[in-house]
C-alpha atoms as a PDB file:
ATOM      1  CA  MET A   1     139.881 140.262  63.479  1.00  0.00           C
ATOM      2  CA  SER A   2     137.244 138.030  65.671  1.00  0.00           C
ATOM      3  CA  THR A   3     135.677 136.351  62.586  1.00  0.00           C
ATOM      4  CA  SER A   4     136.280 132.754  62.196  1.00  0.00           C
ATOM      5  CA  THR A   5     137.759 133.211  58.812  1.00  0.00           C
ATOM      6  CA  SER A   6     140.844 135.247  60.214  1.00  0.00           C
ATOM      7  CA  HIS A   7     141.739 132.279  62.386  1.00  0.00           C
ATOM      8  CA  PRO A   8     143.686 128.955  61.625  1.00  0.00           C
ATOM      9  CA  ASP A   9     141.937 125.667  62.122  1.00  0.00           C
ATOM     10  CA  LEU A  10     142.573 124.413  65.710  1.00  0.00           C
ATOM     11  CA  SER A  11     139.699 121.758  65.658  1.00  0.00           C
ATOM     12  CA  GLY A  12     140.367 119.342  68.405  1.00  0.00           C
ATOM     13  CA  ARG A  13     142.801 121.582  70.188  1.00  0.00           C
ATOM     14  CA  ARG A  14     142.290 121.597  74.040  1.00  0.00           C
ATOM     15  CA  VAL A  15     142.894 125.075  75.747  1.00  0.00           C
ATOM     16  CA  VAL A  16     142.522 126.256  79.264  1.00  0.00           C
ATOM     17  CA  VAL A  17     142.128 130.117  79.945  1.00  0.00           C
ATOM     18  CA  PRO A  18     142.609 130.860  83.643  1.00  0.00           C
ATOM     19  CA  GLY A  19     141.506 134.550  83.797  1.00  0.00           C
ATOM     20  CA  GLY A  20     139.407 133.954  80.555  1.00  0.00           C
ATOM     21  CA  THR A  21     136.281 135.904  82.102  1.00  0.00           C
ATOM     22  CA  GLY A  22     138.126 139.105  82.263  1.00  0.00           C
ATOM     23  CA  ALA A  23     138.037 141.767  79.554  1.00  0.00           C
ATOM     24  CA  VAL A  24     141.207 140.665  77.778  1.00  0.00           C
ATOM     25  CA  GLY A  25     140.560 137.041  78.490  1.00  0.00           C
ATOM     26  CA  GLU A  26     137.326 137.394  76.649  1.00  0.00           C
ATOM     27  CA  GLY A  27     139.129 138.092  73.464  1.00  0.00           C
ATOM     28  CA  VAL A  28     141.320 135.017  73.879  1.00  0.00           C
ATOM     29  CA  VAL A  29     138.522 132.790  74.542  1.00  0.00           C
ATOM     30  CA  ARG A  30     136.566 134.087  71.648  1.00  0.00           C
ATOM     31  CA  ALA A  31     139.514 133.470  69.322  1.00  0.00           C
ATOM     32  CA  TYR A  32     140.124 129.992  70.290  1.00  0.00           C
ATOM     33  CA  LEU A  33     136.398 129.218  70.129  1.00  0.00           C
ATOM     34  CA  ALA A  34     136.179 130.795  66.540  1.00  0.00           C
ATOM     35  CA  ALA A  35     139.387 128.683  65.577  1.00  0.00           C
ATOM     36  CA  GLY A  36     137.485 125.506  66.488  1.00  0.00           C
ATOM     37  CA  ALA A  37     139.157 124.635  69.828  1.00  0.00           C
ATOM     38  CA  ASP A  38     137.607 123.164  73.007  1.00  0.00           C
ATOM     39  CA  VAL A  39     138.128 125.870  75.729  1.00  0.00           C
ATOM     40  CA  VAL A  40     138.069 125.415  79.472  1.00  0.00           C
ATOM     41  CA  VAL A  41     137.465 128.583  81.356  1.00  0.00           C
ATOM     42  CA  PRO A  42     137.678 128.441  85.269  1.00  0.00           C
ATOM     43  CA  THR A  43     135.337 130.782  87.092  1.00  0.00           C
ATOM     44  CA  ARG A  44     134.838 131.826  90.565  1.00  0.00           C
ATOM     45  CA  SER A  45     131.298 130.578  90.854  1.00  0.00           C
ATOM     46  CA  GLN A  46     128.493 129.163  88.810  1.00  0.00           C
ATOM     47  CA  GLU A  47     126.882 132.522  88.671  1.00  0.00           C
ATOM     48  CA  ARG A  48     129.872 134.098  87.175  1.00  0.00           C
ATOM     49  CA  ALA A  49     130.003 131.221  84.579  1.00  0.00           C
ATOM     50  CA  ASP A  50     126.447 131.825  83.597  1.00  0.00           C
ATOM     51  CA  GLU A  51     127.112 135.707  83.222  1.00  0.00           C
ATOM     52  CA  PHE A  52     130.192 134.985  81.123  1.00  0.00           C
ATOM     53  CA  ARG A  53     128.148 132.608  78.909  1.00  0.00           C
ATOM     54  CA  HIS A  54     125.631 135.375  78.451  1.00  0.00           C
ATOM     55  CA  VAL A  55     128.446 137.887  77.571  1.00  0.00           C
ATOM     56  CA  LEU A  56     129.744 135.607  74.827  1.00  0.00           C
ATOM     57  CA  GLY A  57     126.334 135.012  73.220  1.00  0.00           C
ATOM     58  CA  ASP A  58     126.324 132.989  70.163  1.00  0.00           C
ATOM     59  CA  ALA A  59     130.014 132.578  70.356  1.00  0.00           C
ATOM     60  CA  ALA A  60     129.409 130.188  73.370  1.00  0.00           C
ATOM     61  CA  GLY A  61     128.794 126.541  72.395  1.00  0.00           C
ATOM     62  CA  ASP A  62     129.380 123.075  73.155  1.00  0.00           C
ATOM     63  CA  ARG A  63     133.168 123.618  72.867  1.00  0.00           C
ATOM     64  CA  LEU A  64     133.105 126.162  75.673  1.00  0.00           C
ATOM     65  CA  HIS A  65     133.544 124.462  79.217  1.00  0.00           C
ATOM     66  CA  LEU A  66     133.024 126.670  82.102  1.00  0.00           C
ATOM     67  CA  VAL A  67     134.136 125.245  85.392  1.00  0.00           C
ATOM     68  CA  ALA A  68     133.469 126.712  88.907  1.00  0.00           C
ATOM     69  CA  HIS A  69     136.960 126.230  90.404  1.00  0.00           C
ATOM     70  CA  ASP A  70     139.562 127.979  92.383  1.00  0.00           C
ATOM     71  CA  TYR A  71     142.949 127.882  90.566  1.00  0.00           C
ATOM     72  CA  THR A  72     144.831 130.465  92.625  1.00  0.00           C
ATOM     73  CA  THR A  73     146.431 127.873  94.975  1.00  0.00           C
ATOM     74  CA  PHE A  74     149.098 125.174  94.238  1.00  0.00           C
ATOM     75  CA  PRO A  75     146.613 122.480  95.082  1.00  0.00           C
ATOM     76  CA  GLY A  76     143.841 124.309  93.258  1.00  0.00           C
ATOM     77  CA  ALA A  77     145.644 124.529  90.021  1.00  0.00           C
ATOM     78  CA  ALA A  78     146.691 121.074  90.013  1.00  0.00           C
ATOM     79  CA  GLN A  79     143.277 119.728  90.667  1.00  0.00           C
ATOM     80  CA  LEU A  80     142.067 121.841  87.562  1.00  0.00           C
ATOM     81  CA  ALA A  81     144.733 120.369  85.427  1.00  0.00           C
ATOM     82  CA  ASP A  82     143.702 116.826  86.540  1.00  0.00           C
ATOM     83  CA  GLU A  83     140.178 117.704  85.832  1.00  0.00           C
ATOM     84  CA  MET A  84     140.923 118.806  82.420  1.00  0.00           C
ATOM     85  CA  GLU A  85     142.688 115.797  81.666  1.00  0.00           C
ATOM     86  CA  ARG A  86     139.730 113.680  82.722  1.00  0.00           C
ATOM     87  CA  ARG A  87     137.337 115.849  80.853  1.00  0.00           C
ATOM     88  CA  LEU A  88     139.380 116.259  77.553  1.00  0.00           C
ATOM     89  CA  GLY A  89     142.062 113.715  77.657  1.00  0.00           C
ATOM     90  CA  GLY A  90     144.826 116.135  77.990  1.00  0.00           C
ATOM     91  CA  VAL A  91     145.964 119.826  77.333  1.00  0.00           C
ATOM     92  CA  ASP A  92     147.484 121.468  74.219  1.00  0.00           C
ATOM     93  CA  ASP A  93     147.565 125.201  75.321  1.00  0.00           C
ATOM     94  CA  VAL A  94     147.367 127.385  78.420  1.00  0.00           C
ATOM     95  CA  VAL A  95     146.780 131.171  77.868  1.00  0.00           C
ATOM     96  CA  ALA A  96     147.020 133.203  81.276  1.00  0.00           C
ATOM     97  CA  PRO A  97     145.617 136.607  81.367  1.00  0.00           C
ATOM     98  CA  ILE A  98     145.597 136.527  85.072  1.00  0.00           C
ATOM     99  CA  GLY A  99     145.796 140.010  86.324  1.00  0.00           C
ATOM    100  CA  GLY A 100     144.894 142.684  88.651  1.00  0.00           C
ATOM    101  CA  TRP A 101     146.074 146.282  89.422  1.00  0.00           C
ATOM    102  CA  TRP A 102     147.221 148.175  92.732  1.00  0.00           C
ATOM    103  CA  ALA A 103     147.957 151.766  92.946  1.00  0.00           C
ATOM    104  CA  GLY A 104     148.404 154.568  95.334  1.00  0.00           C
ATOM    105  CA  LYS A 105     151.539 154.316  97.451  1.00  0.00           C
ATOM    106  CA  PRO A 106     155.423 154.605  96.849  1.00  0.00           C
ATOM    107  CA  LEU A 107     157.214 151.462  97.737  1.00  0.00           C
ATOM    108  CA  TRP A 108     158.224 152.615 101.109  1.00  0.00           C
ATOM    109  CA  GLU A 109     154.716 153.207 102.187  1.00  0.00           C
ATOM    110  CA  ILE A 110     153.331 149.815 101.456  1.00  0.00           C
ATOM    111  CA  ASP A 111     152.243 147.538 104.210  1.00  0.00           C
ATOM    112  CA  GLU A 112     152.260 143.794 104.472  1.00  0.00           C
ATOM    113  CA  ASN A 113     148.542 143.488 103.196  1.00  0.00           C
ATOM    114  CA  ASP A 114     149.681 145.387  99.947  1.00  0.00           C
ATOM    115  CA  TRP A 115     152.633 143.175  99.421  1.00  0.00           C
ATOM    116  CA  GLN A 116     150.569 139.973  99.847  1.00  0.00           C
ATOM    117  CA  SER A 117     147.793 140.937  97.521  1.00  0.00           C
ATOM    118  CA  ALA A 118     149.670 142.885  94.796  1.00  0.00           C
ATOM    119  CA  PHE A 119     152.665 140.852  94.586  1.00  0.00           C
ATOM    120  CA  VAL A 120     152.724 137.582  96.288  1.00  0.00           C
ATOM    121  CA  GLY A 121     149.093 136.699  95.616  1.00  0.00           C
ATOM    122  CA  LEU A 122     149.248 137.110  91.881  1.00  0.00           C
ATOM    123  CA  ALA A 123     152.642 135.848  91.462  1.00  0.00           C
ATOM    124  CA  SER A 124     151.761 132.813  93.353  1.00  0.00           C
ATOM    125  CA  THR A 125     148.600 132.235  91.290  1.00  0.00           C
ATOM    126  CA  HIS A 126     150.733 132.382  88.117  1.00  0.00           C
ATOM    127  CA  MET A 127     153.315 130.153  89.407  1.00  0.00           C
ATOM    128  CA  ALA A 128     150.703 127.633  90.585  1.00  0.00           C
ATOM    129  CA  VAL A 129     149.149 127.532  87.080  1.00  0.00           C
ATOM    130  CA  LEU A 130     152.417 127.029  85.327  1.00  0.00           C
ATOM    131  CA  ARG A 131     153.701 124.358  87.435  1.00  0.00           C
ATOM    132  CA  ALA A 132     150.415 122.411  87.282  1.00  0.00           C
ATOM    133  CA  PHE A 133     149.892 122.687  83.508  1.00  0.00           C
ATOM    134  CA  LEU A 134     153.400 123.050  81.825  1.00  0.00           C
ATOM    135  CA  PRO A 135     154.341 119.471  82.375  1.00  0.00           C
ATOM    136  CA  LYS A 136     151.090 118.284  80.932  1.00  0.00           C
ATOM    137  CA  LEU A 137     151.290 120.283  77.594  1.00  0.00           C
ATOM    138  CA  SER A 138     151.152 117.981  74.553  1.00  0.00           C
ATOM    139  CA  THR A 139     154.243 117.690  72.514  1.00  0.00           C
ATOM    140  CA  HIS A 140     153.722 120.829  70.335  1.00  0.00           C
ATOM    141  CA  GLY A 141     151.734 122.695  73.131  1.00  0.00           C
ATOM    142  CA  THR A 142     152.059 126.327  74.252  1.00  0.00           C
ATOM    143  CA  TYR A 143     151.947 128.257  77.284  1.00  0.00           C
ATOM    144  CA  THR A 144     151.147 131.860  76.722  1.00  0.00           C
ATOM    145  CA  LEU A 145     151.528 134.458  79.719  1.00  0.00           C
ATOM    146  CA  ILE A 146     149.885 137.753  79.426  1.00  0.00           C
ATOM    147  CA  VAL A 147     151.244 140.607  80.960  1.00  0.00           C
ATOM    148  CA  GLY A 148     151.278 144.663  80.698  1.00  0.00           C
ATOM    149  CA  ALA A 149     153.947 146.999  79.728  1.00  0.00           C
ATOM    150  CA  SER A 150     154.697 147.883  83.327  1.00  0.00           C
ATOM    151  CA  ALA A 151     156.613 144.586  83.251  1.00  0.00           C
ATOM    152  CA  LEU A 152     159.239 146.674  81.386  1.00  0.00           C
ATOM    153  CA  THR A 153     158.530 150.170  82.479  1.00  0.00           C
ATOM    154  CA  PRO A 154     158.095 151.251  86.086  1.00  0.00           C
ATOM    155  CA  VAL A 155     154.991 152.894  87.097  1.00  0.00           C
ATOM    156  CA  PRO A 156     155.292 155.126  90.018  1.00  0.00           C
ATOM    157  CA  GLY A 157     152.554 154.615  92.550  1.00  0.00           C
ATOM    158  CA  SER A 158     152.050 151.111  91.321  1.00  0.00           C
ATOM    159  CA  GLY A 159     155.524 149.517  91.943  1.00  0.00           C
ATOM    160  CA  LEU A 160     154.302 146.315  93.107  1.00  0.00           C
ATOM    161  CA  VAL A 161     152.608 145.714  89.874  1.00  0.00           C
ATOM    162  CA  SER A 162     155.631 146.565  87.935  1.00  0.00           C
ATOM    163  CA  MET A 163     157.678 144.177  90.192  1.00  0.00           C
ATOM    164  CA  GLU A 164     155.345 141.429  89.945  1.00  0.00           C
ATOM    165  CA  GLN A 165     155.002 141.623  86.072  1.00  0.00           C
ATOM    166  CA  ALA A 166     158.700 141.715  85.917  1.00  0.00           C
ATOM    167  CA  ALA A 167     158.814 138.610  87.907  1.00  0.00           C
ATOM    168  CA  LEU A 168     156.457 136.862  85.621  1.00  0.00           C
ATOM    169  CA  LEU A 169     158.622 137.849  82.422  1.00  0.00           C
ATOM    170  CA  MET A 170     161.536 136.000  84.266  1.00  0.00           C
ATOM    171  CA  MET A 171     159.415 133.005  85.234  1.00  0.00           C
ATOM    172  CA  ARG A 172     158.660 132.674  81.576  1.00  0.00           C
ATOM    173  CA  ARG A 173     162.309 132.959  80.525  1.00  0.00           C
ATOM    174  CA  VAL A 174     163.432 130.365  83.120  1.00  0.00           C
ATOM    175  CA  ALA A 175     160.703 128.015  81.887  1.00  0.00           C
ATOM    176  CA  GLU A 176     161.859 128.393  78.340  1.00  0.00           C
ATOM    177  CA  ALA A 177     165.612 127.770  79.360  1.00  0.00           C
ATOM    178  CA  GLU A 178     164.524 124.537  81.340  1.00  0.00           C
ATOM    179  CA  LEU A 179     162.068 123.098  78.778  1.00  0.00           C
ATOM    180  CA  THR A 180     163.041 120.583  76.370  1.00  0.00           C
ATOM    181  CA  GLY A 181     161.569 119.420  73.091  1.00  0.00           C
ATOM    182  CA  PRO A 182     159.187 121.571  70.903  1.00  0.00           C
ATOM    183  CA  ARG A 183     156.923 122.935  73.613  1.00  0.00           C
ATOM    184  CA  ARG A 184     156.986 126.663  73.783  1.00  0.00           C
ATOM    185  CA  VAL A 185     156.408 129.340  76.491  1.00  0.00           C
ATOM    186  CA  HIS A 186     155.387 132.921  75.147  1.00  0.00           C
ATOM    187  CA  ALA A 187     154.432 136.148  76.641  1.00  0.00           C
ATOM    188  CA  LEU A 188     152.355 138.833  75.175  1.00  0.00           C
ATOM    189  CA  ILE A 189     153.314 142.189  76.696  1.00  0.00           C
ATOM    190  CA  LEU A 190     150.458 144.457  76.299  1.00  0.00           C
ATOM    191  CA  GLY A 191     150.021 148.318  76.019  1.00  0.00           C
ATOM    192  CA  PRO A 192     146.396 149.919  76.538  1.00  0.00           C
ATOM    193  CA  VAL A 193     143.797 147.557  75.246  1.00  0.00           C
ATOM    194  CA  SER A 194     140.336 148.219  73.894  1.00  0.00           C
ATOM    195  CA  THR A 195     137.708 145.855  75.553  1.00  0.00           C
ATOM    196  CA  ARG A 196     134.154 145.969  76.190  1.00  0.00           C
ATOM    197  CA  VAL A 197     134.743 147.114  79.708  1.00  0.00           C
ATOM    198  CA  THR A 198     136.967 150.053  78.760  1.00  0.00           C
ATOM    199  CA  GLY A 199     134.450 151.228  76.160  1.00  0.00           C
ATOM    200  CA  THR A 200     137.366 153.014  74.576  1.00  0.00           C
ATOM    201  CA  GLU A 201     138.101 152.617  70.703  1.00  0.00           C
ATOM    202  CA  ALA A 202     141.320 154.494  70.638  1.00  0.00           C
ATOM    203  CA  PRO A 203     142.796 153.847  67.101  1.00  0.00           C
ATOM    204  CA  ASP A 204     146.254 153.039  68.380  1.00  0.00           C
ATOM    205  CA  TRP A 205     145.173 150.759  71.355  1.00  0.00           C
ATOM    206  CA  VAL A 206     145.346 146.954  70.791  1.00  0.00           C
ATOM    207  CA  SER A 207     142.096 145.224  70.871  1.00  0.00           C
ATOM    208  CA  ALA A 208     141.213 142.330  72.889  1.00  0.00           C
ATOM    209  CA  ASP A 209     140.375 140.455  69.627  1.00  0.00           C
ATOM    210  CA  GLN A 210     143.859 141.155  68.434  1.00  0.00           C
ATOM    211  CA  VAL A 211     145.363 139.794  71.615  1.00  0.00           C
ATOM    212  CA  GLY A 212     143.283 136.481  71.068  1.00  0.00           C
ATOM    213  CA  ALA A 213     144.066 136.234  67.477  1.00  0.00           C
ATOM    214  CA  ILE A 214     147.945 136.481  68.356  1.00  0.00           C
ATOM    215  CA  ALA A 215     147.555 133.756  70.975  1.00  0.00           C
ATOM    216  CA  VAL A 216     146.104 131.518  68.586  1.00  0.00           C
ATOM    217  CA  ALA A 217     148.427 132.278  65.742  1.00  0.00           C
ATOM    218  CA  ALA A 218     151.436 131.657  68.018  1.00  0.00           C
ATOM    219  CA  ALA A 219     149.896 128.281  68.988  1.00  0.00           C
ATOM    220  CA  ALA A 220     149.401 127.425  65.316  1.00  0.00           C
ATOM    221  CA  SER A 221     152.628 128.435  63.917  1.00  0.00           C
ATOM    222  CA  GLU A 222     154.718 126.514  66.338  1.00  0.00           C
ATOM    223  CA  ALA A 223     157.138 129.697  66.421  1.00  0.00           C
ATOM    224  CA  ARG A 224     159.939 129.372  68.887  1.00  0.00           C
ATOM    225  CA  SER A 225     159.388 130.484  72.546  1.00  0.00           C
ATOM    226  CA  GLN A 226     159.262 134.300  72.392  1.00  0.00           C
ATOM    227  CA  GLU A 227     158.064 137.698  73.794  1.00  0.00           C
ATOM    228  CA  PHE A 228     155.702 139.707  71.648  1.00  0.00           C
ATOM    229  CA  ARG A 229     155.653 143.369  72.536  1.00  0.00           C
ATOM    230  CA  LEU A 230     152.124 144.696  71.507  1.00  0.00           C
ATOM    231  CA  GLY A 231     152.320 148.200  72.803  1.00  0.00           C
ATOM    232  CA  ASN A 232     150.145 149.543  70.049  1.00  0.00           C
ATOM    233  CA  ARG A 233     147.930 148.232  67.258  1.00  0.00           C
ATOM    234  CA  ALA A 234     150.707 148.523  64.601  1.00  0.00           C
ATOM    235  CA  GLU A 235     152.942 146.242  66.672  1.00  0.00           C
ATOM    236  CA  ALA A 236     150.082 143.802  67.228  1.00  0.00           C
ATOM    237  CA  ASP A 237     149.448 143.714  63.427  1.00  0.00           C
ATOM    238  CA  GLN A 238     152.976 143.168  62.628  1.00  0.00           C
ATOM    239  CA  ALA A 239     153.401 140.162  65.009  1.00  0.00           C
ATOM    240  CA  LEU A 240     150.129 138.534  63.663  1.00  0.00           C
ATOM    241  CA  ALA A 241     151.287 138.969  60.113  1.00  0.00           C
ATOM    242  CA  HIS A 242     154.773 137.267  60.832  1.00  0.00           C
ATOM    243  CA  LEU A 243     153.141 134.484  62.823  1.00  0.00           C
ATOM    244  CA  GLN A 244     150.559 133.958  59.974  1.00  0.00           C
ATOM    245  CA  ALA A 245     153.399 133.902  57.416  1.00  0.00           C
ATOM    246  CA  GLY A 246     155.226 131.164  59.546  1.00  0.00           C
ATOM    247  CA  GLN A 247     157.941 133.766  60.472  1.00  0.00           C
ATOM    248  CA  PRO A 248     159.190 134.545  63.923  1.00  0.00           C
ATOM    249  CA  ALA A 249     157.947 138.146  65.050  1.00  0.00           C
ATOM    250  CA  ARG A 250     160.855 140.673  64.847  1.00  0.00           C
ATOM    251  CA  THR A 251     161.159 141.157  68.537  1.00  0.00           C
ATOM    252  CA  GLY A 252     164.948 141.842  68.885  1.00  0.00           C
ATOM    253  CA  THR A 253     165.738 144.942  70.742  1.00  0.00           C
ATOM    254  CA  VAL A 254     168.264 147.596  69.589  1.00  0.00           C
ATOM    255  CA  VAL A 255     170.627 149.474  71.913  1.00  0.00           C
ATOM    256  CA  THR A 256     172.012 153.029  70.965  1.00  0.00           C
ATOM    257  CA  VAL A 257     174.763 154.776  72.834  1.00  0.00           C
ATOM    258  CA  SER A 258     175.737 158.484  72.456  1.00  0.00           C
ATOM    259  CA  THR A 259     178.750 160.234  73.787  1.00  0.00           C
ATOM    260  CA  MET A 260     177.913 164.011  74.688  1.00  0.00           C
ATOM    261  CA  GLU A 261     180.825 166.321  75.610  1.00  0.00           C
ATOM    262  CA  PRO A 262     179.385 169.528  77.180  1.00  0.00           C
ATOM    263  CA  LYS A 263     181.021 172.920  76.711  1.00  0.00           C
ATOM    264  CA  ASP A 264     182.865 174.376  79.508  1.00  0.00           C
ATOM    265  CA  GLY A 265     180.552 175.348  82.068  1.00  0.00           C
ATOM    266  CA  ARG A 266     177.456 174.068  80.512  1.00  0.00           C
ATOM    267  CA  ARG A 267     177.529 170.440  81.808  1.00  0.00           C
ATOM    268  CA  GLU A 268     174.718 170.990  84.333  1.00  0.00           C
ATOM    269  CA  ASP A 269     172.532 172.676  81.684  1.00  0.00           C
ATOM    270  CA  LEU A 270     173.134 169.602  79.604  1.00  0.00           C
ATOM    271  CA  VAL A 271     172.043 167.243  82.349  1.00  0.00           C
ATOM    272  CA  ALA A 272     168.973 169.440  82.953  1.00  0.00           C
ATOM    273  CA  LEU A 273     167.866 169.073  79.268  1.00  0.00           C
ATOM    274  CA  LEU A 274     168.481 165.492  78.993  1.00  0.00           C
ATOM    275  CA  ALA A 275     166.348 165.143  82.334  1.00  0.00           C
ATOM    276  CA  GLU A 276     163.520 167.190  80.738  1.00  0.00           C
ATOM    277  CA  LEU A 277     163.533 165.054  77.663  1.00  0.00           C
ATOM    278  CA  ALA A 278     163.484 161.710  79.735  1.00  0.00           C
ATOM    279  CA  PRO A 279     159.890 161.378  80.582  1.00  0.00           C
ATOM    280  CA  ARG A 280     158.570 161.972  77.064  1.00  0.00           C
ATOM    281  CA  ILE A 281     161.213 159.415  75.551  1.00  0.00           C
ATOM    282  CA  ARG A 282     160.459 156.773  78.048  1.00  0.00           C
ATOM    283  CA  ALA A 283     156.674 157.286  77.357  1.00  0.00           C
ATOM    284  CA  GLU A 284     157.416 156.391  73.531  1.00  0.00           C
ATOM    285  CA  PRO A 285     155.789 153.028  72.481  1.00  0.00           C
ATOM    286  CA  GLY A 286     158.994 151.378  71.558  1.00  0.00           C
ATOM    287  CA  CYS A 287     161.311 152.634  74.397  1.00  0.00           C
ATOM    288  CA  LEU A 288     162.622 150.383  76.872  1.00  0.00           C
ATOM    289  CA  ARG A 289     165.550 152.281  78.519  1.00  0.00           C
ATOM    290  CA  TYR A 290     166.672 155.803  78.530  1.00  0.00           C
ATOM    291  CA  THR A 291     169.607 156.361  81.018  1.00  0.00           C
ATOM    292  CA  VAL A 292     172.442 159.066  81.463  1.00  0.00           C
ATOM    293  CA  HIS A 293     175.908 158.072  82.607  1.00  0.00           C
ATOM    294  CA  ARG A 294     179.153 159.653  83.627  1.00  0.00           C
ATOM    295  CA  THR A 295     182.541 158.333  84.051  1.00  0.00           C
ATOM    296  CA  HIS A 296     182.980 156.716  87.478  1.00  0.00           C
ATOM    297  CA  GLY A 297     184.081 159.126  90.008  1.00  0.00           C
ATOM    298  CA  GLU A 298     184.238 162.129  87.674  1.00  0.00           C
ATOM    299  CA  ALA A 299     181.940 165.083  88.235  1.00  0.00           C
ATOM    300  CA  ASP A 300     182.905 166.671  84.815  1.00  0.00           C
ATOM    301  CA  GLY A 301     183.507 165.372  81.505  1.00  0.00           C
ATOM    302  CA  PRO A 302     181.453 163.678  78.778  1.00  0.00           C
ATOM    303  CA  LEU A 303     177.941 161.981  79.313  1.00  0.00           C
ATOM    304  CA  LEU A 304     177.201 158.558  77.935  1.00  0.00           C
ATOM    305  CA  VAL A 305     173.297 158.362  76.873  1.00  0.00           C
ATOM    306  CA  ILE A 306     172.124 154.790  76.609  1.00  0.00           C
ATOM    307  CA  GLN A 307     168.744 153.955  75.072  1.00  0.00           C
ATOM    308  CA  GLU A 308     166.927 150.541  74.308  1.00  0.00           C
ATOM    309  CA  PHE A 309     164.048 150.147  71.896  1.00  0.00           C
ATOM    310  CA  THR A 310     161.940 147.261  70.999  1.00  0.00           C
ATOM    311  CA  SER A 311     163.015 147.299  67.392  1.00  0.00           C
ATOM    312  CA  ILE A 312     164.799 149.317  64.764  1.00  0.00           C
ATOM    313  CA  GLU A 313     161.506 150.729  63.711  1.00  0.00           C
ATOM    314  CA  GLY A 314     160.960 152.050  67.157  1.00  0.00           C
ATOM    315  CA  PHE A 315     164.362 153.717  67.155  1.00  0.00           C
ATOM    316  CA  ARG A 316     163.438 155.406  63.724  1.00  0.00           C
ATOM    317  CA  GLU A 317     160.134 156.771  65.016  1.00  0.00           C
ATOM    318  CA  HIS A 318     162.090 158.001  68.147  1.00  0.00           C
ATOM    319  CA  SER A 319     164.623 159.784  65.881  1.00  0.00           C
ATOM    320  CA  LYS A 320     161.837 161.671  64.221  1.00  0.00           C
ATOM    321  CA  THR A 321     160.474 162.619  67.450  1.00  0.00           C
ATOM    322  CA  VAL A 322     163.270 164.240  68.963  1.00  0.00           C
ATOM    323  CA  ALA A 323     164.752 165.737  65.858  1.00  0.00           C
ATOM    324  CA  GLY A 324     163.450 169.083  66.896  1.00  0.00           C
ATOM    325  CA  GLN A 325     165.671 168.922  70.106  1.00  0.00           C
ATOM    326  CA  ILE A 326     168.854 168.578  68.215  1.00  0.00           C
ATOM    327  CA  PRO A 327     169.509 172.458  68.028  1.00  0.00           C
ATOM    328  CA  ARG A 328     168.975 172.617  71.831  1.00  0.00           C
ATOM    329  CA  LEU A 329     171.449 169.946  72.495  1.00  0.00           C
ATOM    330  CA  ALA A 330     174.049 171.322  69.970  1.00  0.00           C
ATOM    331  CA  ALA A 331     174.064 174.610  71.798  1.00  0.00           C
ATOM    332  CA  LEU A 332     175.396 172.812  74.836  1.00  0.00           C
ATOM    333  CA  LEU A 333     177.944 170.630  73.210  1.00  0.00           C
ATOM    334  CA  ALA A 334     181.765 171.139  72.573  1.00  0.00           C
ATOM    335  CA  LYS A 335     181.248 169.151  69.246  1.00  0.00           C
ATOM    336  CA  PRO A 336     178.261 168.813  66.973  1.00  0.00           C
ATOM    337  CA  PRO A 337     176.045 165.882  68.044  1.00  0.00           C
ATOM    338  CA  ALA A 338     177.272 162.628  66.182  1.00  0.00           C
ATOM    339  CA  PRO A 339     174.654 159.822  65.319  1.00  0.00           C
ATOM    340  CA  PRO A 340     174.409 157.330  67.952  1.00  0.00           C
ATOM    341  CA  ALA A 341     176.201 153.896  67.733  1.00  0.00           C
ATOM    342  CA  LEU A 342     173.478 151.529  67.161  1.00  0.00           C
ATOM    343  CA  PHE A 343     173.776 147.841  68.350  1.00  0.00           C
ATOM    344  CA  GLU A 344     171.459 144.872  67.426  1.00  0.00           C
ATOM    345  CA  PRO A 345     171.120 141.566  69.308  1.00  0.00           C
ATOM    346  CA  VAL A 346     173.540 138.685  68.462  1.00  0.00           C
ATOM    347  CA  LEU A 347     172.357 136.425  71.413  1.00  0.00           C
ATOM    348  CA  GLN A 348     169.220 136.818  73.372  1.00  0.00           C
END
């Protein structure tokens, strides 16, 4: 995945990767360099720049531009964008794997320092970079935001991260709605990633090289603005294959709706079973939503189960996973469980 033969030719492309010295950012930097692009990576210090050049080894060459610069403020990001124009004459792509992690407290126990560092600080940095660079992108340029799956799924004890990542996805969507012309704003939504830092080679994890290859392919393909959900290696392979074929990745979600009418006196048992299944269903790679509803104001009566999946393939995998639970559900229902109504997007 990281060899030059697997990447399109982006010779002459001018790219900036804030956060590029991180473990995921390294994969992005390597991919763009392998594709022939000029890559600017801002770092905290010259010492950090020298360390990163050593990490890249032979991949680091004349097209890698390491700049000691603080881009985390509005003025700092604007200065970096101006400096890039002076050095390279413009900017074609921005890939922003700017991240951080925070954990340990429920929302009602956070203090102002937690809020400022885990939400305000990171969100402000992303906003500063986007507002500085998006207007400077070339006609067919791309801005690619990289976030984690916590943007879509709440992580107890790390709620500030989930909130901040969700806010960034909305920032991307607003930018897409406000842009005119062929420039694109993408998001890569990552599950677990194998990097040199994690030292983990789980067979289903996305690799940092895959993340970089998809960012490069999205820039080269001129695919419309979209969000690529890369929860596992298979999803990453699928996204890359579609981009390389010149087709948009299949990122449209599907929603399923099931009506469950409990037997007399078994409603609480049914609710308990659905609650038992909830954590494992929500943990499935393709699951975006699993909620159970009742008719407003009615303590009895049927339940409505609403689920959302990243794709029809994700829903099919879910169906296989829960097939063994159907007898338990059927024992609590007044009628045999019917296949859920399946809805696909018409407008996104």
